[in-house]
All heavy atoms as atom14 arrays in JSON, in Angstrom:
{
  "sequence": "PAPEKICRTCGVALKEGKIHCASCAGAEASKRMIEIARLGRVATHTP",
  "atom14_mask": [
    [1, 1, 1, 1, 1, 1, 1, 0, 0, 0, 0, 0, 0, 0],
    [1, 1, 1, 1, 1, 0, 0, 0, 0, 0, 0, 0, 0, 0],
    [1, 1, 1, 1, 1, 1, 1, 0, 0, 0, 0, 0, 0, 0],
    [1, 1, 1, 1, 1, 1, 1, 1, 1, 0, 0, 0, 0, 0],
    [1, 1, 1, 1, 1, 1, 1, 1, 1, 0, 0, 0, 0, 0],
    [1, 1, 1, 1, 1, 1, 1, 1, 0, 0, 0, 0, 0, 0],
    [1, 1, 1, 1, 1, 1, 0, 0, 0, 0, 0, 0, 0, 0],
    [1, 1, 1, 1, 1, 1, 1, 1, 1, 1, 1, 0, 0, 0],
    [1, 1, 1, 1, 1, 1, 1, 0, 0, 0, 0, 0, 0, 0],
    [1, 1, 1, 1, 1, 1, 0, 0, 0, 0, 0, 0, 0, 0],
    [1, 1, 1, 1, 0, 0, 0, 0, 0, 0, 0, 0, 0, 0],
    [1, 1, 1, 1, 1, 1, 1, 0, 0, 0, 0, 0, 0, 0],
    [1, 1, 1, 1, 1, 0, 0, 0, 0, 0, 0, 0, 0, 0],
    [1, 1, 1, 1, 1, 1, 1, 1, 0, 0, 0, 0, 0, 0],
    [1, 1, 1, 1, 1, 1, 1, 1, 1, 0, 0, 0, 0, 0],
    [1, 1, 1, 1, 1, 1, 1, 1, 1, 0, 0, 0, 0, 0],
    [1, 1, 1, 1, 0, 0, 0, 0, 0, 0, 0, 0, 0, 0],
    [1, 1, 1, 1, 1, 1, 1, 1, 1, 0, 0, 0, 0, 0],
    [1, 1, 1, 1, 1, 1, 1, 1, 0, 0, 0, 0, 0, 0],
    [1, 1, 1, 1, 1, 1, 1, 1, 1, 1, 0, 0, 0, 0],
    [1, 1, 1, 1, 1, 1, 0, 0, 0, 0, 0, 0, 0, 0],
    [1, 1, 1, 1, 1, 0, 0, 0, 0, 0, 0, 0, 0, 0],
    [1, 1, 1, 1, 1, 1, 0, 0, 0, 0, 0, 0, 0, 0],
    [1, 1, 1, 1, 1, 1, 0, 0, 0, 0, 0, 0, 0, 0],
    [1, 1, 1, 1, 1, 0, 0, 0, 0, 0, 0, 0, 0, 0],
    [1, 1, 1, 1, 0, 0, 0, 0, 0, 0, 0, 0, 0, 0],
    [1, 1, 1, 1, 1, 0, 0, 0, 0, 0, 0, 0, 0, 0],
    [1, 1, 1, 1, 1, 1, 1, 1, 1, 0, 0, 0, 0, 0],
    [1, 1, 1, 1, 1, 0, 0, 0, 0, 0, 0, 0, 0, 0],
    [1, 1, 1, 1, 1, 1, 0, 0, 0, 0, 0, 0, 0, 0],
    [1, 1, 1, 1, 1, 1, 1, 1, 1, 0, 0, 0, 0, 0],
    [1, 1, 1, 1, 1, 1, 1, 1, 1, 1, 1, 0, 0, 0],
    [1, 1, 1, 1, 1, 1, 1, 1, 0, 0, 0, 0, 0, 0],
    [1, 1, 1, 1, 1, 1, 1, 1, 0, 0, 0, 0, 0, 0],
    [1, 1, 1, 1, 1, 1, 1, 1, 1, 0, 0, 0, 0, 0],
    [1, 1, 1, 1, 1, 1, 1, 1, 0, 0, 0, 0, 0, 0],
    [1, 1, 1, 1, 1, 0, 0, 0, 0, 0, 0, 0, 0, 0],
    [1, 1, 1, 1, 1, 1, 1, 1, 1, 1, 1, 0, 0, 0],
    [1, 1, 1, 1, 1, 1, 1, 1, 0, 0, 0, 0, 0, 0],
    [1, 1, 1, 1, 0, 0, 0, 0, 0, 0, 0, 0, 0, 0],
    [1, 1, 1, 1, 1, 1, 1, 1, 1, 1, 1, 0, 0, 0],
    [1, 1, 1, 1, 1, 1, 1, 0, 0, 0, 0, 0, 0, 0],
    [1, 1, 1, 1, 1, 0, 0, 0, 0, 0, 0, 0, 0, 0],
    [1, 1, 1, 1, 1, 1, 1, 0, 0, 0, 0, 0, 0, 0],
    [1, 1, 1, 1, 1, 1, 1, 1, 1, 1, 0, 0, 0, 0],
    [1, 1, 1, 1, 1, 1, 1, 0, 0, 0, 0, 0, 0, 0],
    [1, 1, 1, 1, 1, 1, 1, 0, 0, 0, 0, 0, 0, 0]
  ],
  "atom14_positions": [
    [[0.83, -1.19, -0.03], [0.0, -0.02, -0.06], [0.86, 1.26, -0.03], [1.82, 1.38, 0.69], [-0.84, -0.11, 1.3], [-0.88, -1.58, 1.6], [0.47, -2.08, 1.08], [0.0, 0.0, 0.0], [0.0, 0.0, 0.0], [0.0, 0.0, 0.0], [0.0, 0.0, 0.0], [0.0, 0.0, 0.0], [0.0, 0.0, 0.0], [0.0, 0.0, 0.0]],
    [[0.42, 2.22, -0.85], [1.17, 3.47, -0.9], [1.16, 4.26, 0.38], [0.09, 4.24, 1.09], [0.65, 4.27, -2.08], [0.0, 0.0, 0.0], [0.0, 0.0, 0.0], [0.0, 0.0, 0.0], [0.0, 0.0, 0.0], [0.0, 0.0, 0.0], [0.0, 0.0, 0.0], [0.0, 0.0, 0.0], [0.0, 0.0, 0.0], [0.0, 0.0, 0.0]],
    [[2.19, 4.98, 0.77], [2.12, 5.74, 1.99], [1.18, 6.94, 1.86], [0.92, 7.37, 0.68], [3.55, 6.25, 2.07], [4.14, 6.15, 0.68], [3.55, 5.02, 0.09], [0.0, 0.0, 0.0], [0.0, 0.0, 0.0], [0.0, 0.0, 0.0], [0.0, 0.0, 0.0], [0.0, 0.0, 0.0], [0.0, 0.0, 0.0], [0.0, 0.0, 0.0]],
    [[0.65, 7.34, 2.89], [-0.26, 8.5, 2.96], [0.38, 9.76, 2.51], [1.52, 10.05, 3.01], [-0.81, 8.65, 4.35], [-1.8, 9.78, 4.55], [-2.3, 9.91, 5.93], [-1.7, 9.37, 6.85], [-3.3, 10.72, 6.16], [0.0, 0.0, 0.0], [0.0, 0.0, 0.0], [0.0, 0.0, 0.0], [0.0, 0.0, 0.0], [0.0, 0.0, 0.0]],
    [[-0.19, 10.49, 1.65], [0.34, 11.76, 1.2], [-0.08, 12.86, 2.22], [-1.22, 12.95, 2.57], [-0.09, 12.19, -0.21], [0.54, 11.34, -1.34], [0.14, 11.92, -2.67], [0.7, 13.25, -2.97], [2.18, 13.32, -3.09], [0.0, 0.0, 0.0], [0.0, 0.0, 0.0], [0.0, 0.0, 0.0], [0.0, 0.0, 0.0], [0.0, 0.0, 0.0]],
    [[0.83, 13.61, 2.71], [0.61, 14.59, 3.65], [1.21, 15.96, 3.22], [2.12, 16.04, 2.48], [1.1, 14.32, 5.09], [2.64, 14.12, 5.09], [0.41, 13.01, 5.57], [3.22, 13.91, 6.49], [0.0, 0.0, 0.0], [0.0, 0.0, 0.0], [0.0, 0.0, 0.0], [0.0, 0.0, 0.0], [0.0, 0.0, 0.0], [0.0, 0.0, 0.0]],
    [[0.66, 17.05, 3.73], [1.09, 18.37, 3.41], [2.53, 18.57, 4.0], [2.8, 18.23, 5.11], [0.16, 19.41, 3.98], [0.71, 21.13, 3.76], [0.0, 0.0, 0.0], [0.0, 0.0, 0.0], [0.0, 0.0, 0.0], [0.0, 0.0, 0.0], [0.0, 0.0, 0.0], [0.0, 0.0, 0.0], [0.0, 0.0, 0.0], [0.0, 0.0, 0.0]],
    [[3.39, 19.12, 3.19], [4.78, 19.34, 3.56], [4.98, 20.41, 4.59], [6.07, 20.64, 5.16], [5.71, 19.55, 2.4], [5.74, 18.31, 1.46], [6.68, 18.62, 0.25], [6.63, 17.52, -0.69], [7.42, 16.47, -0.58], [8.33, 16.41, 0.36], [7.39, 15.47, -1.42], [0.0, 0.0, 0.0], [0.0, 0.0, 0.0], [0.0, 0.0, 0.0]],
    [[3.83, 21.21, 4.89], [3.92, 22.32, 5.81], [3.27, 21.99, 7.14], [3.92, 22.01, 8.15], [3.39, 23.55, 5.24], [4.08, 23.96, 4.02], [3.42, 24.66, 6.25], [0.0, 0.0, 0.0], [0.0, 0.0, 0.0], [0.0, 0.0, 0.0], [0.0, 0.0, 0.0], [0.0, 0.0, 0.0], [0.0, 0.0, 0.0], [0.0, 0.0, 0.0]],
    [[2.01, 21.53, 7.04], [1.25, 21.31, 8.28], [1.0, 19.82, 8.59], [0.6, 19.52, 9.69], [-0.15, 22.02, 8.23], [-1.2, 21.39, 6.98], [0.0, 0.0, 0.0], [0.0, 0.0, 0.0], [0.0, 0.0, 0.0], [0.0, 0.0, 0.0], [0.0, 0.0, 0.0], [0.0, 0.0, 0.0], [0.0, 0.0, 0.0], [0.0, 0.0, 0.0]],
    [[1.19, 18.92, 7.53], [1.07, 17.5, 7.76], [-0.3, 16.92, 7.63], [-0.57, 15.81, 7.89], [0.0, 0.0, 0.0], [0.0, 0.0, 0.0], [0.0, 0.0, 0.0], [0.0, 0.0, 0.0], [0.0, 0.0, 0.0], [0.0, 0.0, 0.0], [0.0, 0.0, 0.0], [0.0, 0.0, 0.0], [0.0, 0.0, 0.0], [0.0, 0.0, 0.0]],
    [[-1.32, 17.75, 7.13], [-2.7, 17.25, 6.89], [-2.59, 16.29, 5.73], [-1.92, 16.41, 4.82], [-3.68, 18.4, 6.75], [-3.39, 19.1, 5.4], [-5.1, 17.98, 6.79], [0.0, 0.0, 0.0], [0.0, 0.0, 0.0], [0.0, 0.0, 0.0], [0.0, 0.0, 0.0], [0.0, 0.0, 0.0], [0.0, 0.0, 0.0], [0.0, 0.0, 0.0]],
    [[-3.63, 15.34, 5.74], [-3.76, 14.32, 4.66], [-4.13, 15.07, 3.37], [-4.91, 16.0, 3.39], [-4.68, 13.28, 5.03], [0.0, 0.0, 0.0], [0.0, 0.0, 0.0], [0.0, 0.0, 0.0], [0.0, 0.0, 0.0], [0.0, 0.0, 0.0], [0.0, 0.0, 0.0], [0.0, 0.0, 0.0], [0.0, 0.0, 0.0], [0.0, 0.0, 0.0]],
    [[-3.51, 14.6, 2.25], [-3.75, 15.21, 0.92], [-4.33, 14.2, -0.04], [-4.13, 12.95, 0.14], [-2.54, 15.82, 0.37], [-1.79, 16.96, 1.14], [-0.57, 17.33, 0.48], [-2.79, 18.21, 1.18], [0.0, 0.0, 0.0], [0.0, 0.0, 0.0], [0.0, 0.0, 0.0], [0.0, 0.0, 0.0], [0.0, 0.0, 0.0], [0.0, 0.0, 0.0]],
    [[-4.9, 14.67, -1.14], [-5.27, 13.86, -2.22], [-4.05, 13.61, -3.14], [-3.06, 14.37, -3.04], [-6.41, 14.51, -3.05], [-7.69, 14.68, -2.29], [-8.78, 15.22, -3.19], [-10.12, 15.29, -2.44], [-11.2, 15.9, -3.29], [0.0, 0.0, 0.0], [0.0, 0.0, 0.0], [0.0, 0.0, 0.0], [0.0, 0.0, 0.0], [0.0, 0.0, 0.0]],
    [[-4.06, 12.63, -3.97], [-2.97, 12.35, -4.86], [-2.61, 13.54, -5.81], [-3.58, 14.19, -6.32], [-3.27, 11.09, -5.74], [-2.09, 10.45, -6.46], [-1.09, 9.89, -5.49], [-1.51, 9.45, -4.41], [0.12, 9.89, -5.8], [0.0, 0.0, 0.0], [0.0, 0.0, 0.0], [0.0, 0.0, 0.0], [0.0, 0.0, 0.0], [0.0, 0.0, 0.0]],
    [[-1.41, 13.78, -6.0], [-0.93, 14.83, -6.9], [-0.71, 16.21, -6.19], [-0.3, 17.15, -6.85], [0.0, 0.0, 0.0], [0.0, 0.0, 0.0], [0.0, 0.0, 0.0], [0.0, 0.0, 0.0], [0.0, 0.0, 0.0], [0.0, 0.0, 0.0], [0.0, 0.0, 0.0], [0.0, 0.0, 0.0], [0.0, 0.0, 0.0], [0.0, 0.0, 0.0]],
    [[-1.03, 16.29, -4.9], [-0.75, 17.5, -4.21], [0.4, 17.37, -3.26], [0.78, 16.3, -2.83], [-2.04, 17.9, -3.31], [-3.35, 17.9, -4.12], [-3.43, 19.19, -4.87], [-4.77, 19.37, -5.47], [-4.92, 20.6, -6.3], [0.0, 0.0, 0.0], [0.0, 0.0, 0.0], [0.0, 0.0, 0.0], [0.0, 0.0, 0.0], [0.0, 0.0, 0.0]],
    [[1.05, 18.51, -3.04], [2.2, 18.48, -2.07], [1.87, 19.5, -0.87], [2.59, 19.43, 0.17], [3.53, 18.85, -2.71], [3.48, 20.29, -3.3], [3.92, 17.85, -3.68], [4.81, 20.75, -3.78], [0.0, 0.0, 0.0], [0.0, 0.0, 0.0], [0.0, 0.0, 0.0], [0.0, 0.0, 0.0], [0.0, 0.0, 0.0], [0.0, 0.0, 0.0]],
    [[0.83, 20.39, -1.05], [0.49, 21.24, 0.03], [-1.03, 21.32, 0.07], [-1.7, 21.18, -0.95], [1.07, 22.68, -0.22], [2.54, 22.75, -0.14], [3.14, 22.69, 1.09], [3.5, 22.97, -1.04], [4.52, 22.84, 0.91], [4.67, 22.99, -0.39], [0.0, 0.0, 0.0], [0.0, 0.0, 0.0], [0.0, 0.0, 0.0], [0.0, 0.0, 0.0]],
    [[-1.66, 21.52, 1.26], [-3.03, 21.68, 1.34], [-3.44, 23.05, 0.85], [-2.58, 23.9, 0.69], [-3.44, 21.48, 2.85], [-2.79, 22.68, 3.94], [0.0, 0.0, 0.0], [0.0, 0.0, 0.0], [0.0, 0.0, 0.0], [0.0, 0.0, 0.0], [0.0, 0.0, 0.0], [0.0, 0.0, 0.0], [0.0, 0.0, 0.0], [0.0, 0.0, 0.0]],
    [[-4.75, 23.25, 0.8], [-5.22, 24.58, 0.25], [-4.74, 25.73, 1.11], [-4.42, 26.82, 0.59], [-6.72, 24.47, 0.16], [0.0, 0.0, 0.0], [0.0, 0.0, 0.0], [0.0, 0.0, 0.0], [0.0, 0.0, 0.0], [0.0, 0.0, 0.0], [0.0, 0.0, 0.0], [0.0, 0.0, 0.0], [0.0, 0.0, 0.0], [0.0, 0.0, 0.0]],
    [[-4.74, 25.59, 2.48], [-4.43, 26.7, 3.33], [-2.96, 26.98, 3.27], [-2.55, 28.2, 3.57], [-4.86, 26.39, 4.75], [-4.19, 25.2, 5.22], [0.0, 0.0, 0.0], [0.0, 0.0, 0.0], [0.0, 0.0, 0.0], [0.0, 0.0, 0.0], [0.0, 0.0, 0.0], [0.0, 0.0, 0.0], [0.0, 0.0, 0.0], [0.0, 0.0, 0.0]],
    [[-2.09, 26.09, 3.03], [-0.67, 26.27, 2.99], [-0.13, 26.63, 1.56], [0.92, 27.18, 1.45], [0.09, 24.98, 3.5], [-0.27, 24.62, 5.26], [0.0, 0.0, 0.0], [0.0, 0.0, 0.0], [0.0, 0.0, 0.0], [0.0, 0.0, 0.0], [0.0, 0.0, 0.0], [0.0, 0.0, 0.0], [0.0, 0.0, 0.0], [0.0, 0.0, 0.0]],
    [[-0.89, 26.3, 0.57], [-0.4, 26.45, -0.83], [-0.07, 27.93, -1.13], [0.91, 28.26, -1.74], [-1.42, 25.9, -1.81], [0.0, 0.0, 0.0], [0.0, 0.0, 0.0], [0.0, 0.0, 0.0], [0.0, 0.0, 0.0], [0.0, 0.0, 0.0], [0.0, 0.0, 0.0], [0.0, 0.0, 0.0], [0.0, 0.0, 0.0], [0.0, 0.0, 0.0]],
    [[-1.0, 28.83, -0.67], [-0.77, 30.25, -0.97], [0.42, 30.82, -0.34], [1.2, 31.5, -0.9], [0.0, 0.0, 0.0], [0.0, 0.0, 0.0], [0.0, 0.0, 0.0], [0.0, 0.0, 0.0], [0.0, 0.0, 0.0], [0.0, 0.0, 0.0], [0.0, 0.0, 0.0], [0.0, 0.0, 0.0], [0.0, 0.0, 0.0], [0.0, 0.0, 0.0]],
    [[0.61, 30.47, 0.98], [1.8, 30.95, 1.61], [3.11, 30.39, 1.03], [4.13, 31.09, 0.88], [1.74, 30.57, 3.12], [0.0, 0.0, 0.0], [0.0, 0.0, 0.0], [0.0, 0.0, 0.0], [0.0, 0.0, 0.0], [0.0, 0.0, 0.0], [0.0, 0.0, 0.0], [0.0, 0.0, 0.0], [0.0, 0.0, 0.0], [0.0, 0.0, 0.0]],
    [[3.05, 29.1, 0.65], [4.28, 28.55, 0.02], [4.51, 29.15, -1.31], [5.69, 29.42, -1.71], [4.08, 26.99, -0.15], [4.12, 26.26, 1.21], [5.47, 26.4, 1.89], [6.55, 26.29, 1.19], [5.47, 26.55, 3.09], [0.0, 0.0, 0.0], [0.0, 0.0, 0.0], [0.0, 0.0, 0.0], [0.0, 0.0, 0.0], [0.0, 0.0, 0.0]],
    [[3.43, 29.44, -2.09], [3.64, 30.15, -3.33], [4.27, 31.5, -3.2], [5.18, 31.9, -4.04], [2.31, 30.23, -4.11], [0.0, 0.0, 0.0], [0.0, 0.0, 0.0], [0.0, 0.0, 0.0], [0.0, 0.0, 0.0], [0.0, 0.0, 0.0], [0.0, 0.0, 0.0], [0.0, 0.0, 0.0], [0.0, 0.0, 0.0], [0.0, 0.0, 0.0]],
    [[3.82, 32.19, -2.2], [4.37, 33.52, -1.91], [5.87, 33.47, -1.63], [6.67, 34.24, -2.06], [3.69, 34.21, -0.79], [2.3, 34.4, -1.14], [0.0, 0.0, 0.0], [0.0, 0.0, 0.0], [0.0, 0.0, 0.0], [0.0, 0.0, 0.0], [0.0, 0.0, 0.0], [0.0, 0.0, 0.0], [0.0, 0.0, 0.0], [0.0, 0.0, 0.0]],
    [[6.19, 32.47, -0.73], [7.59, 32.27, -0.41], [8.48, 32.02, -1.63], [9.57, 32.48, -1.81], [7.77, 31.17, 0.59], [7.16, 31.55, 1.99], [7.3, 30.35, 2.9], [6.77, 30.61, 4.3], [6.84, 29.47, 5.2], [0.0, 0.0, 0.0], [0.0, 0.0, 0.0], [0.0, 0.0, 0.0], [0.0, 0.0, 0.0], [0.0, 0.0, 0.0]],
    [[7.91, 31.08, -2.52], [8.67, 30.77, -3.72], [8.83, 31.95, -4.68], [9.9, 32.18, -5.25], [7.98, 29.62, -4.44], [8.05, 28.26, -3.76], [7.61, 27.17, -4.77], [6.29, 27.3, -5.27], [5.2, 26.77, -4.62], [5.33, 26.1, -3.48], [3.97, 26.99, -5.16], [0.0, 0.0, 0.0], [0.0, 0.0, 0.0], [0.0, 0.0, 0.0]],
    [[7.79, 32.81, -4.74], [7.87, 33.98, -5.62], [8.9, 34.93, -5.01], [9.66, 35.54, -5.84], [6.53, 34.68, -5.7], [5.49, 33.89, -6.56], [6.03, 33.61, -8.2], [6.22, 35.31, -8.82], [0.0, 0.0, 0.0], [0.0, 0.0, 0.0], [0.0, 0.0, 0.0], [0.0, 0.0, 0.0], [0.0, 0.0, 0.0], [0.0, 0.0, 0.0]],
    [[8.96, 35.09, -3.76], [9.94, 35.98, -3.09], [11.32, 35.44, -3.43], [12.3, 36.24, -3.74], [9.73, 36.08, -1.59], [8.46, 36.87, -1.33], [10.94, 36.8, -0.94], [8.01, 36.88, 0.11], [0.0, 0.0, 0.0], [0.0, 0.0, 0.0], [0.0, 0.0, 0.0], [0.0, 0.0, 0.0], [0.0, 0.0, 0.0], [0.0, 0.0, 0.0]],
    [[11.57, 34.1, -3.27], [12.9, 33.58, -3.55], [13.23, 33.7, -5.05], [14.37, 34.05, -5.42], [12.9, 32.1, -3.15], [14.18, 31.37, -3.31], [15.37, 31.96, -2.56], [15.12, 32.73, -1.61], [16.54, 31.68, -2.98], [0.0, 0.0, 0.0], [0.0, 0.0, 0.0], [0.0, 0.0, 0.0], [0.0, 0.0, 0.0], [0.0, 0.0, 0.0]],
    [[12.3, 33.48, -5.89], [12.49, 33.6, -7.36], [12.9, 35.03, -7.71], [13.79, 35.31, -8.46], [11.29, 33.14, -8.14], [11.15, 31.59, -8.01], [11.43, 33.45, -9.61], [9.81, 31.02, -8.56], [0.0, 0.0, 0.0], [0.0, 0.0, 0.0], [0.0, 0.0, 0.0], [0.0, 0.0, 0.0], [0.0, 0.0, 0.0], [0.0, 0.0, 0.0]],
    [[12.18, 35.98, -6.99], [12.5, 37.39, -7.3], [13.91, 37.78, -6.83], [14.65, 38.54, -7.51], [11.5, 38.3, -6.63], [0.0, 0.0, 0.0], [0.0, 0.0, 0.0], [0.0, 0.0, 0.0], [0.0, 0.0, 0.0], [0.0, 0.0, 0.0], [0.0, 0.0, 0.0], [0.0, 0.0, 0.0], [0.0, 0.0, 0.0], [0.0, 0.0, 0.0]],
    [[14.27, 37.22, -5.67], [15.61, 37.46, -5.2], [16.64, 36.91, -6.13], [17.67, 37.59, -6.48], [15.8, 36.83, -3.85], [17.14, 37.14, -3.14], [17.28, 36.27, -1.87], [17.44, 34.87, -2.22], [18.62, 34.32, -2.62], [19.73, 35.06, -2.73], [18.67, 33.03, -2.88], [0.0, 0.0, 0.0], [0.0, 0.0, 0.0], [0.0, 0.0, 0.0]],
    [[16.41, 35.68, -6.62], [17.39, 35.08, -7.57], [17.4, 35.89, -8.89], [18.49, 36.02, -9.48], [16.95, 33.6, -7.85], [17.11, 32.68, -6.7], [16.54, 31.31, -7.06], [18.54, 32.54, -6.26], [0.0, 0.0, 0.0], [0.0, 0.0, 0.0], [0.0, 0.0, 0.0], [0.0, 0.0, 0.0], [0.0, 0.0, 0.0], [0.0, 0.0, 0.0]],
    [[16.24, 36.34, -9.24], [16.2, 37.2, -10.5], [16.98, 38.52, -10.34], [17.69, 38.87, -11.25], [0.0, 0.0, 0.0], [0.0, 0.0, 0.0], [0.0, 0.0, 0.0], [0.0, 0.0, 0.0], [0.0, 0.0, 0.0], [0.0, 0.0, 0.0], [0.0, 0.0, 0.0], [0.0, 0.0, 0.0], [0.0, 0.0, 0.0], [0.0, 0.0, 0.0]],
    [[16.88, 39.13, -9.15], [17.68, 40.38, -8.92], [19.19, 40.06, -9.0], [19.99, 40.87, -9.51], [17.28, 40.96, -7.64], [15.88, 41.63, -7.61], [15.66, 42.5, -6.4], [15.61, 41.67, -5.2], [14.55, 41.16, -4.68], [13.39, 41.23, -5.37], [14.58, 40.36, -3.57], [0.0, 0.0, 0.0], [0.0, 0.0, 0.0], [0.0, 0.0, 0.0]],
    [[19.61, 38.96, -8.45], [20.99, 38.58, -8.42], [21.46, 38.29, -9.87], [22.51, 38.77, -10.24], [21.18, 37.3, -7.52], [22.59, 36.8, -7.72], [20.94, 37.66, -6.03], [0.0, 0.0, 0.0], [0.0, 0.0, 0.0], [0.0, 0.0, 0.0], [0.0, 0.0, 0.0], [0.0, 0.0, 0.0], [0.0, 0.0, 0.0], [0.0, 0.0, 0.0]],
    [[20.6, 37.61, -10.63], [20.99, 37.26, -11.98], [21.13, 38.48, -12.8], [21.94, 38.53, -13.8], [20.05, 36.33, -12.53], [0.0, 0.0, 0.0], [0.0, 0.0, 0.0], [0.0, 0.0, 0.0], [0.0, 0.0, 0.0], [0.0, 0.0, 0.0], [0.0, 0.0, 0.0], [0.0, 0.0, 0.0], [0.0, 0.0, 0.0], [0.0, 0.0, 0.0]],
    [[20.32, 39.53, -12.6], [20.39, 40.74, -13.46], [21.54, 41.66, -13.17], [21.7, 42.69, -13.79], [19.06, 41.54, -13.24], [18.9, 41.93, -11.93], [17.87, 40.73, -13.83], [0.0, 0.0, 0.0], [0.0, 0.0, 0.0], [0.0, 0.0, 0.0], [0.0, 0.0, 0.0], [0.0, 0.0, 0.0], [0.0, 0.0, 0.0], [0.0, 0.0, 0.0]],
    [[22.35, 41.37, -12.09], [23.46, 42.22, -11.8], [24.79, 41.47, -11.95], [25.85, 41.9, -11.46], [23.36, 42.73, -10.34], [22.32, 43.77, -10.16], [20.96, 43.39, -10.03], [22.3, 45.08, -10.1], [20.29, 44.55, -9.87], [21.06, 45.58, -9.98], [0.0, 0.0, 0.0], [0.0, 0.0, 0.0], [0.0, 0.0, 0.0], [0.0, 0.0, 0.0]],
    [[24.8, 40.39, -12.7], [26.05, 39.75, -13.04], [26.78, 40.45, -14.15], [26.13, 41.27, -14.86], [25.79, 38.28, -13.48], [24.94, 38.32, -14.66], [25.05, 37.48, -12.38], [0.0, 0.0, 0.0], [0.0, 0.0, 0.0], [0.0, 0.0, 0.0], [0.0, 0.0, 0.0], [0.0, 0.0, 0.0], [0.0, 0.0, 0.0], [0.0, 0.0, 0.0]],
    [[28.08, 40.26, -14.29], [28.8, 41.01, -15.41], [28.21, 40.66, -16.76], [28.2, 41.51, -17.68], [30.22, 40.39, -15.26], [30.4, 40.04, -13.8], [29.03, 39.54, -13.39], [0.0, 0.0, 0.0], [0.0, 0.0, 0.0], [0.0, 0.0, 0.0], [0.0, 0.0, 0.0], [0.0, 0.0, 0.0], [0.0, 0.0, 0.0], [0.0, 0.0, 0.0]]
  ]
}
């Protein structure tokens, strides 16, 4: 039997194909966008 899928932030049970629950997905997306923006700023100032 396959292991239970749980949210990587809060640990609540998930349906197949998800890695975050609905309440955590928005916050995780915001964190990813901030990190992507930071990497973008770094990339635009290279020689």
